[in-house]
Amino acid sequence: MIEWVSVGTAARPVPHPVATPLVWATAFGGALVLVALKNALVGPAQPGFALAALSLLAALLGMHARFVAAPGTALLCWLFLNGFAVPPVGTLSWIGHRDTFWLGCLLTAALLGTALARLAHARAAYRRVTPAGTTAAAEPGDWRWER
């Protein structure tokens, strides 16, 4: 038996997040490119630009990742920020209040990106699916009856 189904009205599934290792590889490559670009254009003396760019990268990656990828994404971005965007370039250091703030910003950006994406996907899925047994509201001039 052949059953005709309208393709446009079927419920679409919520997109699956990208695998965590792929998110981390993209964070590694993206952070490398962003810090190198920032150092070439602005110089290593102003890490605020790099923090803003890496926070944006973490948020964008978070929109396609699972929540468990956020700490690794933040750590990878922080490693490039600390090691190559702050003089002396190529040396990792830990200055308590500064690096804690940087890690907090990067982690917050990654988690916020993930949370916003999950909310947007859930809202879109909720709007696409109608409960079974309900009918659409009748429009003026519609011949159907609502139950």
C-alpha atoms as a PDB file:
ATOM      1  CA  MET A   1       0.000   0.000   0.000  1.00  0.00           C
ATOM      2  CA  ILE A   2       1.301   3.474  -0.867  1.00  0.00           C
ATOM      3  CA  GLU A   3       0.656   6.297   1.540  1.00  0.00           C
ATOM      4  CA  TRP A   4       1.084   9.877   0.376  1.00  0.00           C
ATOM      5  CA  VAL A   5       2.684  12.135   2.958  1.00  0.00           C
ATOM      6  CA  SER A   6       3.306  15.836   2.614  1.00  0.00           C
ATOM      7  CA  VAL A   7       7.011  16.463   3.098  1.00  0.00           C
ATOM      8  CA  GLY A   8       6.672  20.035   4.303  1.00  0.00           C
ATOM      9  CA  THR A   9       4.452  19.281   7.286  1.00  0.00           C
ATOM     10  CA  ALA A  10       6.397  16.395   8.799  1.00  0.00           C
ATOM     11  CA  ALA A  11       8.204  17.083  12.046  1.00  0.00           C
ATOM     12  CA  ARG A  12      11.909  17.619  11.562  1.00  0.00           C
ATOM     13  CA  PRO A  13      14.229  16.284  14.233  1.00  0.00           C
ATOM     14  CA  VAL A  14      16.345  18.549  16.397  1.00  0.00           C
ATOM     15  CA  PRO A  15      19.879  18.746  14.941  1.00  0.00           C
ATOM     16  CA  HIS A  16      22.489  16.645  16.697  1.00  0.00           C
ATOM     17  CA  PRO A  17      25.481  18.449  18.198  1.00  0.00           C
ATOM     18  CA  VAL A  18      28.864  18.068  16.551  1.00  0.00           C
ATOM     19  CA  ALA A  19      31.244  15.491  18.060  1.00  0.00           C
ATOM     20  CA  THR A  20      33.370  16.898  20.876  1.00  0.00           C
ATOM     21  CA  PRO A  21      36.780  16.052  19.321  1.00  0.00           C
ATOM     22  CA  LEU A  22      35.787  17.920  16.167  1.00  0.00           C
ATOM     23  CA  VAL A  23      34.731  20.946  18.228  1.00  0.00           C
ATOM     24  CA  TRP A  24      38.065  20.881  20.053  1.00  0.00           C
ATOM     25  CA  ALA A  25      40.013  20.557  16.794  1.00  0.00           C
ATOM     26  CA  THR A  26      38.120  23.548  15.410  1.00  0.00           C
ATOM     27  CA  ALA A  27      38.800  25.483  18.629  1.00  0.00           C
ATOM     28  CA  PHE A  28      42.510  24.673  18.317  1.00  0.00           C
ATOM     29  CA  GLY A  29      42.727  25.781  14.693  1.00  0.00           C
ATOM     30  CA  GLY A  30      40.429  28.764  15.099  1.00  0.00           C
ATOM     31  CA  ALA A  31      42.244  30.062  18.178  1.00  0.00           C
ATOM     32  CA  LEU A  32      45.575  29.688  16.399  1.00  0.00           C
ATOM     33  CA  VAL A  33      44.349  31.679  13.388  1.00  0.00           C
ATOM     34  CA  LEU A  34      42.634  34.376  15.480  1.00  0.00           C
ATOM     35  CA  VAL A  35      45.631  34.975  17.748  1.00  0.00           C
ATOM     36  CA  ALA A  36      48.057  35.011  14.814  1.00  0.00           C
ATOM     37  CA  LEU A  37      45.820  37.470  12.974  1.00  0.00           C
ATOM     38  CA  LYS A  38      45.477  39.657  16.052  1.00  0.00           C
ATOM     39  CA  ASN A  39      49.247  39.655  16.627  1.00  0.00           C
ATOM     40  CA  ALA A  40      49.881  40.603  12.999  1.00  0.00           C
ATOM     41  CA  LEU A  41      47.345  43.441  12.973  1.00  0.00           C
ATOM     42  CA  VAL A  42      47.395  44.844  16.518  1.00  0.00           C
ATOM     43  CA  GLY A  43      50.416  43.312  18.235  1.00  0.00           C
ATOM     44  CA  PRO A  44      50.731  41.168  21.351  1.00  0.00           C
ATOM     45  CA  ALA A  45      50.536  44.068  23.808  1.00  0.00           C
ATOM     46  CA  GLN A  46      46.711  44.285  23.853  1.00  0.00           C
ATOM     47  CA  PRO A  47      45.117  40.953  24.859  1.00  0.00           C
ATOM     48  CA  GLY A  48      41.611  42.444  25.120  1.00  0.00           C
ATOM     49  CA  PHE A  49      41.054  42.082  21.377  1.00  0.00           C
ATOM     50  CA  ALA A  50      42.161  38.467  21.499  1.00  0.00           C
ATOM     51  CA  LEU A  51      39.888  37.767  24.486  1.00  0.00           C
ATOM     52  CA  ALA A  52      36.899  39.233  22.646  1.00  0.00           C
ATOM     53  CA  ALA A  53      37.657  37.296  19.450  1.00  0.00           C
ATOM     54  CA  LEU A  54      38.264  34.023  21.299  1.00  0.00           C
ATOM     55  CA  SER A  55      35.099  34.481  23.374  1.00  0.00           C
ATOM     56  CA  LEU A  56      33.144  34.922  20.149  1.00  0.00           C
ATOM     57  CA  LEU A  57      34.804  31.794  18.742  1.00  0.00           C
ATOM     58  CA  ALA A  58      33.929  29.841  21.912  1.00  0.00           C
ATOM     59  CA  ALA A  59      30.301  30.994  21.715  1.00  0.00           C
ATOM     60  CA  LEU A  60      30.027  30.061  18.028  1.00  0.00           C
ATOM     61  CA  LEU A  61      31.547  26.651  18.673  1.00  0.00           C
ATOM     62  CA  GLY A  62      29.251  26.212  21.663  1.00  0.00           C
ATOM     63  CA  MET A  63      26.245  26.675  19.399  1.00  0.00           C
ATOM     64  CA  HIS A  64      27.156  23.446  17.609  1.00  0.00           C
ATOM     65  CA  ALA A  65      28.544  21.446  20.548  1.00  0.00           C
ATOM     66  CA  ARG A  66      27.437  19.542  23.609  1.00  0.00           C
ATOM     67  CA  PHE A  67      27.758  21.030  27.076  1.00  0.00           C
ATOM     68  CA  VAL A  68      30.636  18.656  27.887  1.00  0.00           C
ATOM     69  CA  ALA A  69      32.753  20.298  25.151  1.00  0.00           C
ATOM     70  CA  ALA A  70      32.641  23.739  26.800  1.00  0.00           C
ATOM     71  CA  PRO A  71      35.472  23.294  29.350  1.00  0.00           C
ATOM     72  CA  GLY A  72      37.864  21.919  26.741  1.00  0.00           C
ATOM     73  CA  THR A  73      36.947  24.650  24.273  1.00  0.00           C
ATOM     74  CA  ALA A  74      37.549  27.323  26.911  1.00  0.00           C
ATOM     75  CA  LEU A  75      40.867  25.747  27.935  1.00  0.00           C
ATOM     76  CA  LEU A  76      42.145  25.525  24.352  1.00  0.00           C
ATOM     77  CA  CYS A  77      41.227  29.154  23.692  1.00  0.00           C
ATOM     78  CA  TRP A  78      42.860  30.211  26.963  1.00  0.00           C
ATOM     79  CA  LEU A  79      46.083  28.367  26.093  1.00  0.00           C
ATOM     80  CA  PHE A  80      46.438  30.363  22.874  1.00  0.00           C
ATOM     81  CA  LEU A  81      45.394  33.574  24.618  1.00  0.00           C
ATOM     82  CA  ASN A  82      47.888  33.124  27.442  1.00  0.00           C
ATOM     83  CA  GLY A  83      50.711  31.660  25.384  1.00  0.00           C
ATOM     84  CA  PHE A  84      50.656  33.777  22.249  1.00  0.00           C
ATOM     85  CA  ALA A  85      48.550  36.909  22.794  1.00  0.00           C
ATOM     86  CA  VAL A  86      50.403  38.199  25.869  1.00  0.00           C
ATOM     87  CA  PRO A  87      54.103  39.110  26.041  1.00  0.00           C
ATOM     88  CA  PRO A  88      56.415  37.239  26.397  1.00  0.00           C
ATOM     89  CA  VAL A  89      55.004  35.304  23.451  1.00  0.00           C
ATOM     90  CA  GLY A  90      55.429  31.539  23.672  1.00  0.00           C
ATOM     91  CA  THR A  91      55.510  31.368  27.466  1.00  0.00           C
ATOM     92  CA  LEU A  92      52.591  30.136  29.551  1.00  0.00           C
ATOM     93  CA  SER A  93      52.087  31.957  32.831  1.00  0.00           C
ATOM     94  CA  TRP A  94      49.457  32.134  35.532  1.00  0.00           C
ATOM     95  CA  ILE A  95      48.442  35.457  37.010  1.00  0.00           C
ATOM     96  CA  GLY A  96      45.608  34.521  39.338  1.00  0.00           C
ATOM     97  CA  HIS A  97      42.984  37.209  38.874  1.00  0.00           C
ATOM     98  CA  ARG A  98      43.665  37.849  35.169  1.00  0.00           C
ATOM     99  CA  ASP A  99      43.749  34.237  34.029  1.00  0.00           C
ATOM    100  CA  THR A 100      40.810  33.250  36.208  1.00  0.00           C
ATOM    101  CA  PHE A 101      38.802  36.062  34.618  1.00  0.00           C
ATOM    102  CA  TRP A 102      39.874  34.997  31.125  1.00  0.00           C
ATOM    103  CA  LEU A 103      38.964  31.355  31.732  1.00  0.00           C
ATOM    104  CA  GLY A 104      35.645  32.448  33.213  1.00  0.00           C
ATOM    105  CA  CYS A 105      34.857  34.614  30.173  1.00  0.00           C
ATOM    106  CA  LEU A 106      35.738  31.851  27.722  1.00  0.00           C
ATOM    107  CA  LEU A 107      33.808  29.182  29.648  1.00  0.00           C
ATOM    108  CA  THR A 108      30.789  31.455  30.010  1.00  0.00           C
ATOM    109  CA  ALA A 109      30.834  32.208  26.282  1.00  0.00           C
ATOM    110  CA  ALA A 110      30.998  28.512  25.365  1.00  0.00           C
ATOM    111  CA  LEU A 111      28.223  27.566  27.800  1.00  0.00           C
ATOM    112  CA  LEU A 112      26.066  30.507  26.739  1.00  0.00           C
ATOM    113  CA  GLY A 113      26.419  29.571  23.075  1.00  0.00           C
ATOM    114  CA  THR A 114      25.439  25.987  23.824  1.00  0.00           C
ATOM    115  CA  ALA A 115      22.487  26.999  25.997  1.00  0.00           C
ATOM    116  CA  LEU A 116      21.159  29.460  23.421  1.00  0.00           C
ATOM    117  CA  ALA A 117      21.403  26.879  20.661  1.00  0.00           C
ATOM    118  CA  ARG A 118      19.597  24.252  22.755  1.00  0.00           C
ATOM    119  CA  LEU A 119      16.817  26.714  23.593  1.00  0.00           C
ATOM    120  CA  ALA A 120      16.441  27.771  19.959  1.00  0.00           C
ATOM    121  CA  HIS A 121      16.311  24.139  18.782  1.00  0.00           C
ATOM    122  CA  ALA A 122      13.820  23.187  21.498  1.00  0.00           C
ATOM    123  CA  ARG A 123      11.591  26.162  20.687  1.00  0.00           C
ATOM    124  CA  ALA A 124      11.667  25.383  16.974  1.00  0.00           C
ATOM    125  CA  ALA A 125      10.880  21.712  17.624  1.00  0.00           C
ATOM    126  CA  TYR A 126       8.005  22.661  19.934  1.00  0.00           C
ATOM    127  CA  ARG A 127       6.514  24.911  17.265  1.00  0.00           C
ATOM    128  CA  ARG A 128       6.840  22.238  14.555  1.00  0.00           C
ATOM    129  CA  VAL A 129       5.136  19.457  16.475  1.00  0.00           C
ATOM    130  CA  THR A 130       1.445  19.560  17.305  1.00  0.00           C
ATOM    131  CA  PRO A 131      -0.013  17.189  19.881  1.00  0.00           C
ATOM    132  CA  ALA A 132      -1.869  14.180  18.482  1.00  0.00           C
ATOM    133  CA  GLY A 133      -5.622  14.506  18.348  1.00  0.00           C
ATOM    134  CA  THR A 134      -5.761  18.273  18.110  1.00  0.00           C
ATOM    135  CA  THR A 135      -6.882  20.210  15.088  1.00  0.00           C
ATOM    136  CA  ALA A 136      -5.816  23.552  13.778  1.00  0.00           C
ATOM    137  CA  ALA A 137      -8.038  26.504  14.576  1.00  0.00           C
ATOM    138  CA  ALA A 138     -10.663  27.180  11.941  1.00  0.00           C
ATOM    139  CA  GLU A 139     -10.110  30.211   9.778  1.00  0.00           C
ATOM    140  CA  PRO A 140     -12.982  32.440   8.625  1.00  0.00           C
ATOM    141  CA  GLY A 141     -14.790  30.707   5.791  1.00  0.00           C
ATOM    142  CA  ASP A 142     -13.336  27.298   6.729  1.00  0.00           C
ATOM    143  CA  TRP A 143     -15.846  24.466   6.424  1.00  0.00           C
ATOM    144  CA  ARG A 144     -14.256  22.228   9.091  1.00  0.00           C
ATOM    145  CA  TRP A 145     -15.613  21.975  12.604  1.00  0.00           C
ATOM    146  CA  GLU A 146     -13.429  22.023  15.695  1.00  0.00           C
ATOM    147  CA  ARG A 147     -14.031  19.437  18.381  1.00  0.00           C
END
